[in-house]
Amino acid sequence: MSTAPRLDNFLRLSQTEYRTVDHRHTESAVGSAHAAHLSTARVAKSVLLRDRRSGQYLIALTPACYRVNLDWVRENTAADPVLAREAELSDVFPDFELGAVPGLGQAYQLDMVWDDDLGQQPSVYFEAGDHEGLIEITQAEFHRLFDAFPHGIISQPSDDYLAYQASEFWGGQR
């Protein structure tokens, strides 16, 4: 596992305390959480959005098993967001493996929005630059780095997650 150079530089310059966690190769934030034996609530999924009007990019951070509510983003920012295409990712994040979107948009001069559930976790994990490692920061570091950005209940559990975890929600009966 390696930390993307721009991300590593940002963490160093911002004097952010962090640690790295290696895991087997995965294709999603949920997969990374499972491979690293972490709760999906503590692993941030970073979603790259593009403003239809300006073309500017924005990162939305949600727990790994959640999906972004674009209406919330539209109502609480000046953006008219759409999901960025996969082809745009390598232009925006040239030092990251395709599909591994960084959660620390500050390193790329990007605005962000984030889900309040992440701010309640004792620590939060982000993609480190590839599909085999995560960066962990404490709750205090998370708030120091993210409180200036809009946040709220910007996401909800994905239907796939709810279907997979149905027995948890229904007490094992259904």
C-alpha atoms as a PDB file:
ATOM      1  CA  MET A   1       0.000   0.000   0.000  1.00  0.00           C
ATOM      2  CA  SER A   2       1.158   3.511  -0.693  1.00  0.00           C
ATOM      3  CA  THR A   3      -0.299   6.878   0.177  1.00  0.00           C
ATOM      4  CA  ALA A   4      -0.863   9.107  -2.860  1.00  0.00           C
ATOM      5  CA  PRO A   5       1.892  11.765  -2.986  1.00  0.00           C
ATOM      6  CA  ARG A   6      -0.433  14.772  -2.983  1.00  0.00           C
ATOM      7  CA  LEU A   7      -2.443  13.339  -0.101  1.00  0.00           C
ATOM      8  CA  ASP A   8       0.697  12.513   1.855  1.00  0.00           C
ATOM      9  CA  ASN A   9       1.954  16.074   1.302  1.00  0.00           C
ATOM     10  CA  PHE A  10      -1.363  17.559   2.480  1.00  0.00           C
ATOM     11  CA  LEU A  11      -1.378  15.439   5.643  1.00  0.00           C
ATOM     12  CA  ARG A  12       2.186  16.439   6.424  1.00  0.00           C
ATOM     13  CA  LEU A  13       1.665  20.175   5.775  1.00  0.00           C
ATOM     14  CA  SER A  14      -1.592  20.256   7.752  1.00  0.00           C
ATOM     15  CA  GLN A  15       0.171  18.457  10.607  1.00  0.00           C
ATOM     16  CA  THR A  16      -2.521  15.800  10.653  1.00  0.00           C
ATOM     17  CA  GLU A  17      -1.886  12.766  12.815  1.00  0.00           C
ATOM     18  CA  TYR A  18      -2.876   9.588  11.007  1.00  0.00           C
ATOM     19  CA  ARG A  19      -2.052   5.949  10.584  1.00  0.00           C
ATOM     20  CA  THR A  20      -2.330   3.647   7.607  1.00  0.00           C
ATOM     21  CA  VAL A  21      -4.130   0.314   7.456  1.00  0.00           C
ATOM     22  CA  ASP A  22      -3.337  -2.275   4.783  1.00  0.00           C
ATOM     23  CA  HIS A  23      -5.961  -4.702   3.450  1.00  0.00           C
ATOM     24  CA  ARG A  24      -6.448  -7.029   0.512  1.00  0.00           C
ATOM     25  CA  HIS A  25      -7.378  -5.470  -2.840  1.00  0.00           C
ATOM     26  CA  THR A  26     -11.017  -4.347  -2.976  1.00  0.00           C
ATOM     27  CA  GLU A  27     -13.215  -2.448  -5.422  1.00  0.00           C
ATOM     28  CA  SER A  28     -15.409  -0.419  -3.054  1.00  0.00           C
ATOM     29  CA  ALA A  29     -15.475   1.384   0.278  1.00  0.00           C
ATOM     30  CA  VAL A  30     -17.717  -1.364   1.686  1.00  0.00           C
ATOM     31  CA  GLY A  31     -15.230  -3.969   0.453  1.00  0.00           C
ATOM     32  CA  SER A  32     -12.381  -2.045   2.085  1.00  0.00           C
ATOM     33  CA  ALA A  33     -14.282  -1.911   5.379  1.00  0.00           C
ATOM     34  CA  HIS A  34     -14.870  -5.658   5.309  1.00  0.00           C
ATOM     35  CA  ALA A  35     -11.281  -6.454   4.255  1.00  0.00           C
ATOM     36  CA  ALA A  36      -9.883  -4.284   7.074  1.00  0.00           C
ATOM     37  CA  HIS A  37     -12.428  -5.682   9.585  1.00  0.00           C
ATOM     38  CA  LEU A  38     -13.976  -2.248  10.184  1.00  0.00           C
ATOM     39  CA  SER A  39     -17.523  -1.037  10.562  1.00  0.00           C
ATOM     40  CA  THR A  40     -18.839   0.450   7.317  1.00  0.00           C
ATOM     41  CA  ALA A  41     -19.976   3.431   9.416  1.00  0.00           C
ATOM     42  CA  ARG A  42     -16.314   4.337  10.043  1.00  0.00           C
ATOM     43  CA  VAL A  43     -15.084   4.044   6.440  1.00  0.00           C
ATOM     44  CA  ALA A  44     -15.793   7.119   4.339  1.00  0.00           C
ATOM     45  CA  LYS A  45     -17.042   6.674   0.810  1.00  0.00           C
ATOM     46  CA  SER A  46     -15.941   9.640  -1.280  1.00  0.00           C
ATOM     47  CA  VAL A  47     -18.223  10.508  -4.172  1.00  0.00           C
ATOM     48  CA  LEU A  48     -17.026  12.928  -6.822  1.00  0.00           C
ATOM     49  CA  LEU A  49     -19.776  15.272  -7.982  1.00  0.00           C
ATOM     50  CA  ARG A  50     -19.687  17.824 -10.806  1.00  0.00           C
ATOM     51  CA  ASP A  51     -21.727  21.030 -10.835  1.00  0.00           C
ATOM     52  CA  ARG A  52     -23.764  21.069 -14.056  1.00  0.00           C
ATOM     53  CA  ARG A  53     -23.528  24.856 -14.334  1.00  0.00           C
ATOM     54  CA  SER A  54     -19.905  25.619 -13.485  1.00  0.00           C
ATOM     55  CA  GLY A  55     -18.223  22.267 -14.128  1.00  0.00           C
ATOM     56  CA  GLN A  56     -16.544  22.554 -10.701  1.00  0.00           C
ATOM     57  CA  TYR A  57     -16.034  19.371  -8.714  1.00  0.00           C
ATOM     58  CA  LEU A  58     -17.186  18.642  -5.176  1.00  0.00           C
ATOM     59  CA  ILE A  59     -16.603  15.624  -2.943  1.00  0.00           C
ATOM     60  CA  ALA A  60     -19.449  14.191  -0.868  1.00  0.00           C
ATOM     61  CA  LEU A  61     -18.376  12.030   2.079  1.00  0.00           C
ATOM     62  CA  THR A  62     -20.744   9.398   3.411  1.00  0.00           C
ATOM     63  CA  PRO A  63     -20.424   6.214   5.438  1.00  0.00           C
ATOM     64  CA  ALA A  64     -19.361   3.397   3.091  1.00  0.00           C
ATOM     65  CA  CYS A  65     -22.772   1.716   2.954  1.00  0.00           C
ATOM     66  CA  TYR A  66     -24.724   4.945   2.274  1.00  0.00           C
ATOM     67  CA  ARG A  67     -25.667   6.762  -0.913  1.00  0.00           C
ATOM     68  CA  VAL A  68     -25.554  10.525  -1.408  1.00  0.00           C
ATOM     69  CA  ASN A  69     -28.784  12.499  -1.432  1.00  0.00           C
ATOM     70  CA  LEU A  70     -28.161  14.872  -4.362  1.00  0.00           C
ATOM     71  CA  ASP A  71     -31.214  16.922  -3.385  1.00  0.00           C
ATOM     72  CA  TRP A  72     -29.557  17.738  -0.042  1.00  0.00           C
ATOM     73  CA  VAL A  73     -26.405  18.868  -1.837  1.00  0.00           C
ATOM     74  CA  ARG A  74     -28.469  20.985  -4.247  1.00  0.00           C
ATOM     75  CA  GLU A  75     -30.447  22.603  -1.416  1.00  0.00           C
ATOM     76  CA  ASN A  76     -27.461  23.285   0.870  1.00  0.00           C
ATOM     77  CA  THR A  77     -24.753  24.397  -1.559  1.00  0.00           C
ATOM     78  CA  ALA A  78     -24.639  26.570  -4.648  1.00  0.00           C
ATOM     79  CA  ALA A  79     -24.109  23.461  -6.792  1.00  0.00           C
ATOM     80  CA  ASP A  80     -26.418  21.612  -9.162  1.00  0.00           C
ATOM     81  CA  PRO A  81     -24.645  18.263  -8.725  1.00  0.00           C
ATOM     82  CA  VAL A  82     -24.432  15.178 -10.888  1.00  0.00           C
ATOM     83  CA  LEU A  83     -22.217  12.163 -10.353  1.00  0.00           C
ATOM     84  CA  ALA A  84     -18.899  12.601 -12.138  1.00  0.00           C
ATOM     85  CA  ARG A  85     -18.116   9.997 -14.783  1.00  0.00           C
ATOM     86  CA  GLU A  86     -15.413   7.441 -14.110  1.00  0.00           C
ATOM     87  CA  ALA A  87     -13.372   8.900 -16.983  1.00  0.00           C
ATOM     88  CA  GLU A  88     -13.121  12.196 -15.051  1.00  0.00           C
ATOM     89  CA  LEU A  89     -11.543  10.606 -11.975  1.00  0.00           C
ATOM     90  CA  SER A  90      -8.044  10.227 -13.385  1.00  0.00           C
ATOM     91  CA  ASP A  91      -8.002  13.877 -14.495  1.00  0.00           C
ATOM     92  CA  VAL A  92      -9.000  15.105 -11.033  1.00  0.00           C
ATOM     93  CA  PHE A  93      -6.939  12.589  -9.021  1.00  0.00           C
ATOM     94  CA  PRO A  94      -3.928  11.659 -11.184  1.00  0.00           C
ATOM     95  CA  ASP A  95      -2.006  10.113  -8.273  1.00  0.00           C
ATOM     96  CA  PHE A  96      -4.850   7.811  -7.186  1.00  0.00           C
ATOM     97  CA  GLU A  97      -5.785   4.450  -8.670  1.00  0.00           C
ATOM     98  CA  LEU A  98      -8.943   4.654 -10.758  1.00  0.00           C
ATOM     99  CA  GLY A  99     -12.012   4.409  -8.532  1.00  0.00           C
ATOM    100  CA  ALA A 100     -10.196   5.165  -5.279  1.00  0.00           C
ATOM    101  CA  VAL A 101     -11.514   8.680  -4.649  1.00  0.00           C
ATOM    102  CA  PRO A 102      -9.731  10.570  -1.844  1.00  0.00           C
ATOM    103  CA  GLY A 103     -11.795  11.778   1.082  1.00  0.00           C
ATOM    104  CA  LEU A 104      -9.530  14.709   1.781  1.00  0.00           C
ATOM    105  CA  GLY A 105     -10.565  17.045  -1.020  1.00  0.00           C
ATOM    106  CA  GLN A 106      -8.494  19.841   0.499  1.00  0.00           C
ATOM    107  CA  ALA A 107      -5.399  18.168  -0.976  1.00  0.00           C
ATOM    108  CA  TYR A 108      -6.916  18.744  -4.434  1.00  0.00           C
ATOM    109  CA  GLN A 109      -8.435  22.186  -3.730  1.00  0.00           C
ATOM    110  CA  LEU A 110     -11.959  20.736  -3.861  1.00  0.00           C
ATOM    111  CA  ASP A 111     -14.968  21.746  -1.814  1.00  0.00           C
ATOM    112  CA  MET A 112     -16.675  19.048   0.193  1.00  0.00           C
ATOM    113  CA  VAL A 113     -19.872  18.166   1.999  1.00  0.00           C
ATOM    114  CA  TRP A 114     -20.064  15.420   4.597  1.00  0.00           C
ATOM    115  CA  ASP A 115     -22.556  13.307   6.469  1.00  0.00           C
ATOM    116  CA  ASP A 116     -22.918  13.983  10.202  1.00  0.00           C
ATOM    117  CA  ASP A 117     -22.701  10.248  10.923  1.00  0.00           C
ATOM    118  CA  LEU A 118     -18.986  10.362  10.059  1.00  0.00           C
ATOM    119  CA  GLY A 119     -18.358  13.119  12.599  1.00  0.00           C
ATOM    120  CA  GLN A 120     -19.738  10.916  15.384  1.00  0.00           C
ATOM    121  CA  GLN A 121     -17.269   8.077  14.823  1.00  0.00           C
ATOM    122  CA  PRO A 122     -14.248   7.665  17.141  1.00  0.00           C
ATOM    123  CA  SER A 123     -12.082   7.643  14.011  1.00  0.00           C
ATOM    124  CA  VAL A 124     -12.704   7.744  10.257  1.00  0.00           C
ATOM    125  CA  TYR A 125     -10.924   5.840   7.476  1.00  0.00           C
ATOM    126  CA  PHE A 126     -10.272   7.152   3.940  1.00  0.00           C
ATOM    127  CA  GLU A 127      -8.812   5.679   0.752  1.00  0.00           C
ATOM    128  CA  ALA A 128      -5.038   6.170   0.789  1.00  0.00           C
ATOM    129  CA  GLY A 129      -4.463   6.186  -2.969  1.00  0.00           C
ATOM    130  CA  ASP A 130      -5.001   2.633  -4.062  1.00  0.00           C
ATOM    131  CA  HIS A 131      -7.484  -0.139  -3.385  1.00  0.00           C
ATOM    132  CA  GLU A 132      -5.298  -1.754  -0.735  1.00  0.00           C
ATOM    133  CA  GLY A 133      -4.957   0.799   2.025  1.00  0.00           C
ATOM    134  CA  LEU A 134      -6.789   3.228   4.238  1.00  0.00           C
ATOM    135  CA  ILE A 135      -5.801   6.289   6.240  1.00  0.00           C
ATOM    136  CA  GLU A 136      -7.252   6.577   9.736  1.00  0.00           C
ATOM    137  CA  ILE A 137      -7.725   9.914  11.489  1.00  0.00           C
ATOM    138  CA  THR A 138      -9.247  10.517  14.912  1.00  0.00           C
ATOM    139  CA  GLN A 139     -12.576  12.216  15.504  1.00  0.00           C
ATOM    140  CA  ALA A 140     -10.751  15.354  16.696  1.00  0.00           C
ATOM    141  CA  GLU A 141      -8.644  15.484  13.517  1.00  0.00           C
ATOM    142  CA  PHE A 142     -11.740  14.842  11.417  1.00  0.00           C
ATOM    143  CA  HIS A 143     -13.516  17.846  12.916  1.00  0.00           C
ATOM    144  CA  ARG A 144     -10.423  20.036  12.623  1.00  0.00           C
ATOM    145  CA  LEU A 145     -10.183  19.250   8.903  1.00  0.00           C
ATOM    146  CA  PHE A 146     -13.883  19.161   7.974  1.00  0.00           C
ATOM    147  CA  ASP A 147     -15.987  21.412  10.205  1.00  0.00           C
ATOM    148  CA  ALA A 148     -15.606  24.368   7.813  1.00  0.00           C
ATOM    149  CA  PHE A 149     -17.453  22.429   5.084  1.00  0.00           C
ATOM    150  CA  PRO A 150     -21.255  22.034   4.851  1.00  0.00           C
ATOM    151  CA  HIS A 151     -22.546  18.934   6.586  1.00  0.00           C
ATOM    152  CA  GLY A 152     -25.778  17.333   7.687  1.00  0.00           C
ATOM    153  CA  ILE A 153     -27.715  14.177   6.957  1.00  0.00           C
ATOM    154  CA  ILE A 154     -26.577  14.102   3.336  1.00  0.00           C
ATOM    155  CA  SER A 155     -27.032  10.385   2.736  1.00  0.00           C
ATOM    156  CA  GLN A 156     -29.009   7.310   3.607  1.00  0.00           C
ATOM    157  CA  PRO A 157     -28.313   3.576   3.676  1.00  0.00           C
ATOM    158  CA  SER A 158     -28.232   2.106   0.184  1.00  0.00           C
ATOM    159  CA  ASP A 159     -30.980  -0.319  -0.805  1.00  0.00           C
ATOM    160  CA  ASP A 160     -28.388  -3.082  -1.326  1.00  0.00           C
ATOM    161  CA  TYR A 161     -27.094  -2.629   2.201  1.00  0.00           C
ATOM    162  CA  LEU A 162     -30.598  -2.634   3.662  1.00  0.00           C
ATOM    163  CA  ALA A 163     -31.481  -5.804   1.775  1.00  0.00           C
ATOM    164  CA  TYR A 164     -28.259  -7.494   2.895  1.00  0.00           C
ATOM    165  CA  GLN A 165     -28.703  -6.393   6.511  1.00  0.00           C
ATOM    166  CA  ALA A 166     -32.505  -6.903   6.683  1.00  0.00           C
ATOM    167  CA  SER A 167     -32.238  -9.442   9.489  1.00  0.00           C
ATOM    168  CA  GLU A 168     -30.433  -6.848  11.637  1.00  0.00           C
ATOM    169  CA  PHE A 169     -33.218  -4.329  11.137  1.00  0.00           C
ATOM    170  CA  TRP A 170     -36.026  -6.862  11.675  1.00  0.00           C
ATOM    171  CA  GLY A 171     -34.504  -8.590  14.687  1.00  0.00           C
ATOM    172  CA  GLY A 172     -33.691 -11.775  12.763  1.00  0.00           C
ATOM    173  CA  GLN A 173     -37.334 -12.271  11.784  1.00  0.00           C
ATOM    174  CA  ARG A 174     -38.879 -11.575   8.440  1.00  0.00           C
END
